[in-house]
Amino acid sequence: MMASEPAPEKQTNSKNPLKELAGQPRFLAIVIACMALSAAVTGQPRVAMWVGFCFAAYSAIANDSIQTIGTFIASNKQRPWWQLWAFIGGVFLVTMTLSWMRFGGPEENSR
């Protein structure tokens, strides 16, 4: 009877999350600053309400934008990357130009 060789160890692609974060000092600084801001306004309900609202609004808008652009890019894989970005940039330029002409400034001024 032959001795069997030990099974090879599985290689995982997972990295240590702490090492990943350590390589992102700017991101860590932003997260720490946001946490400090949240802690600083905890005792002031009106200010804390607006800080929380701003965090939630940014999160929702950023997530929706990434999902929309990601879906557009994924569904048009057959096209060169530069055509996709030219189209996205064109939509942005048209939107901003029309807004500037109609409202006399950036689109957010009309809100």
C-alpha atoms as a PDB file:
ATOM      1  CA  MET A   1       0.000   0.000   0.000  1.00  0.00           C
ATOM      2  CA  MET A   2       1.452   3.369  -1.037  1.00  0.00           C
ATOM      3  CA  ALA A   3       1.476   6.314   1.267  1.00  0.00           C
ATOM      4  CA  SER A   4      -0.800   8.975  -0.084  1.00  0.00           C
ATOM      5  CA  GLU A   5       0.496  12.456  -0.581  1.00  0.00           C
ATOM      6  CA  PRO A   6      -1.111  15.209   1.412  1.00  0.00           C
ATOM      7  CA  ALA A   7      -3.740  17.155  -0.432  1.00  0.00           C
ATOM      8  CA  PRO A   8      -2.506  20.509  -1.723  1.00  0.00           C
ATOM      9  CA  GLU A   9      -3.646  23.462   0.321  1.00  0.00           C
ATOM     10  CA  LYS A  10      -6.336  25.586  -1.213  1.00  0.00           C
ATOM     11  CA  GLN A  11      -5.153  28.999  -2.215  1.00  0.00           C
ATOM     12  CA  THR A  12      -7.559  31.744  -1.415  1.00  0.00           C
ATOM     13  CA  ASN A  13      -7.663  35.135  -3.002  1.00  0.00           C
ATOM     14  CA  SER A  14      -8.915  36.791   0.158  1.00  0.00           C
ATOM     15  CA  LYS A  15      -6.577  39.336   1.622  1.00  0.00           C
ATOM     16  CA  ASN A  16      -6.312  40.608   5.135  1.00  0.00           C
ATOM     17  CA  PRO A  17      -8.847  43.464   5.362  1.00  0.00           C
ATOM     18  CA  LEU A  18      -6.677  45.372   7.808  1.00  0.00           C
ATOM     19  CA  LYS A  19      -3.767  45.310   5.370  1.00  0.00           C
ATOM     20  CA  GLU A  20      -6.104  46.496   2.608  1.00  0.00           C
ATOM     21  CA  LEU A  21      -7.230  49.437   4.753  1.00  0.00           C
ATOM     22  CA  ALA A  22      -3.672  50.285   5.744  1.00  0.00           C
ATOM     23  CA  GLY A  23      -2.921  50.799   2.048  1.00  0.00           C
ATOM     24  CA  GLN A  24      -5.707  53.389   1.778  1.00  0.00           C
ATOM     25  CA  PRO A  25      -4.659  56.290   4.035  1.00  0.00           C
ATOM     26  CA  ARG A  26      -6.901  58.859   2.342  1.00  0.00           C
ATOM     27  CA  PHE A  27      -9.973  56.652   2.683  1.00  0.00           C
ATOM     28  CA  LEU A  28      -9.140  55.950   6.321  1.00  0.00           C
ATOM     29  CA  ALA A  29      -8.738  59.664   7.011  1.00  0.00           C
ATOM     30  CA  ILE A  30     -12.165  60.380   5.499  1.00  0.00           C
ATOM     31  CA  VAL A  31     -13.815  57.595   7.497  1.00  0.00           C
ATOM     32  CA  ILE A  32     -12.169  58.729  10.729  1.00  0.00           C
ATOM     33  CA  ALA A  33     -13.131  62.358  10.064  1.00  0.00           C
ATOM     34  CA  CYS A  34     -16.762  61.353   9.431  1.00  0.00           C
ATOM     35  CA  MET A  35     -16.823  59.278  12.611  1.00  0.00           C
ATOM     36  CA  ALA A  36     -15.323  62.154  14.584  1.00  0.00           C
ATOM     37  CA  LEU A  37     -17.877  64.560  13.119  1.00  0.00           C
ATOM     38  CA  SER A  38     -20.691  62.190  14.057  1.00  0.00           C
ATOM     39  CA  ALA A  39     -19.351  61.841  17.588  1.00  0.00           C
ATOM     40  CA  ALA A  40     -18.924  65.606  17.927  1.00  0.00           C
ATOM     41  CA  VAL A  41     -22.547  66.381  17.033  1.00  0.00           C
ATOM     42  CA  THR A  42     -24.162  63.550  19.010  1.00  0.00           C
ATOM     43  CA  GLY A  43     -25.292  65.909  21.757  1.00  0.00           C
ATOM     44  CA  GLN A  44     -26.799  68.393  19.302  1.00  0.00           C
ATOM     45  CA  PRO A  45     -29.878  66.742  17.761  1.00  0.00           C
ATOM     46  CA  ARG A  46     -30.560  69.368  15.085  1.00  0.00           C
ATOM     47  CA  VAL A  47     -26.983  69.335  13.813  1.00  0.00           C
ATOM     48  CA  ALA A  48     -26.761  65.543  14.097  1.00  0.00           C
ATOM     49  CA  MET A  49     -29.945  65.254  12.021  1.00  0.00           C
ATOM     50  CA  TRP A  50     -28.379  67.216   9.154  1.00  0.00           C
ATOM     51  CA  VAL A  51     -25.050  65.396   9.376  1.00  0.00           C
ATOM     52  CA  GLY A  52     -26.884  62.058   9.203  1.00  0.00           C
ATOM     53  CA  PHE A  53     -29.026  63.287   6.339  1.00  0.00           C
ATOM     54  CA  CYS A  54     -25.938  64.371   4.376  1.00  0.00           C
ATOM     55  CA  PHE A  55     -24.248  61.003   4.929  1.00  0.00           C
ATOM     56  CA  ALA A  56     -27.383  59.134   3.825  1.00  0.00           C
ATOM     57  CA  ALA A  57     -27.957  61.371   0.801  1.00  0.00           C
ATOM     58  CA  TYR A  58     -24.387  60.991  -0.398  1.00  0.00           C
ATOM     59  CA  SER A  59     -24.512  57.215   0.076  1.00  0.00           C
ATOM     60  CA  ALA A  60     -27.740  56.851  -1.898  1.00  0.00           C
ATOM     61  CA  ILE A  61     -26.637  59.111  -4.743  1.00  0.00           C
ATOM     62  CA  ALA A  62     -23.158  57.597  -5.023  1.00  0.00           C
ATOM     63  CA  ASN A  63     -24.529  54.043  -5.001  1.00  0.00           C
ATOM     64  CA  ASP A  64     -27.209  54.796  -7.593  1.00  0.00           C
ATOM     65  CA  SER A  65     -24.730  56.530  -9.896  1.00  0.00           C
ATOM     66  CA  ILE A  66     -22.271  53.629  -9.754  1.00  0.00           C
ATOM     67  CA  GLN A  67     -25.023  51.078 -10.396  1.00  0.00           C
ATOM     68  CA  THR A  68     -26.398  53.002 -13.357  1.00  0.00           C
ATOM     69  CA  ILE A  69     -23.032  53.577 -15.001  1.00  0.00           C
ATOM     70  CA  GLY A  70     -21.912  50.028 -14.215  1.00  0.00           C
ATOM     71  CA  THR A  71     -25.020  48.553 -15.824  1.00  0.00           C
ATOM     72  CA  PHE A  72     -24.549  50.747 -18.902  1.00  0.00           C
ATOM     73  CA  ILE A  73     -20.910  49.684 -19.286  1.00  0.00           C
ATOM     74  CA  ALA A  74     -21.655  45.986 -18.655  1.00  0.00           C
ATOM     75  CA  SER A  75     -24.471  45.918 -21.206  1.00  0.00           C
ATOM     76  CA  ASN A  76     -22.262  47.492 -23.885  1.00  0.00           C
ATOM     77  CA  LYS A  77     -19.147  45.314 -23.542  1.00  0.00           C
ATOM     78  CA  GLN A  78     -18.912  44.932 -27.309  1.00  0.00           C
ATOM     79  CA  ARG A  79     -18.086  48.629 -27.719  1.00  0.00           C
ATOM     80  CA  PRO A  80     -14.650  50.148 -27.078  1.00  0.00           C
ATOM     81  CA  TRP A  81     -14.251  51.776 -23.652  1.00  0.00           C
ATOM     82  CA  TRP A  82     -13.640  55.209 -25.117  1.00  0.00           C
ATOM     83  CA  GLN A  83     -17.013  55.193 -26.919  1.00  0.00           C
ATOM     84  CA  LEU A  84     -18.809  54.422 -23.670  1.00  0.00           C
ATOM     85  CA  TRP A  85     -17.029  57.186 -21.781  1.00  0.00           C
ATOM     86  CA  ALA A  86     -17.549  59.629 -24.659  1.00  0.00           C
ATOM     87  CA  PHE A  87     -21.290  58.928 -24.520  1.00  0.00           C
ATOM     88  CA  ILE A  88     -21.424  59.295 -20.721  1.00  0.00           C
ATOM     89  CA  GLY A  89     -19.382  62.507 -20.930  1.00  0.00           C
ATOM     90  CA  GLY A  90     -21.644  63.806 -23.688  1.00  0.00           C
ATOM     91  CA  VAL A  91     -24.762  63.224 -21.600  1.00  0.00           C
ATOM     92  CA  PHE A  92     -23.110  65.057 -18.711  1.00  0.00           C
ATOM     93  CA  LEU A  93     -22.082  68.004 -20.904  1.00  0.00           C
ATOM     94  CA  VAL A  94     -25.534  68.335 -22.479  1.00  0.00           C
ATOM     95  CA  THR A  95     -27.204  68.180 -19.059  1.00  0.00           C
ATOM     96  CA  MET A  96     -24.893  70.780 -17.547  1.00  0.00           C
ATOM     97  CA  THR A  97     -25.078  73.078 -20.606  1.00  0.00           C
ATOM     98  CA  LEU A  98     -28.884  73.028 -20.724  1.00  0.00           C
ATOM     99  CA  SER A  99     -29.034  73.600 -16.987  1.00  0.00           C
ATOM    100  CA  TRP A 100     -26.610  76.500 -17.220  1.00  0.00           C
ATOM    101  CA  MET A 101     -28.630  78.085 -19.995  1.00  0.00           C
ATOM    102  CA  ARG A 102     -31.989  77.609 -18.261  1.00  0.00           C
ATOM    103  CA  PHE A 103     -31.047  78.414 -14.662  1.00  0.00           C
ATOM    104  CA  GLY A 104     -28.065  80.703 -15.170  1.00  0.00           C
ATOM    105  CA  GLY A 105     -25.651  78.455 -13.329  1.00  0.00           C
ATOM    106  CA  PRO A 106     -24.991  74.885 -12.252  1.00  0.00           C
ATOM    107  CA  GLU A 107     -27.950  72.540 -12.075  1.00  0.00           C
ATOM    108  CA  GLU A 108     -27.919  72.362  -8.278  1.00  0.00           C
ATOM    109  CA  ASN A 109     -28.668  76.099  -8.066  1.00  0.00           C
ATOM    110  CA  SER A 110     -32.224  75.450  -9.254  1.00  0.00           C
ATOM    111  CA  ARG A 111     -33.066  73.251  -6.271  1.00  0.00           C
END
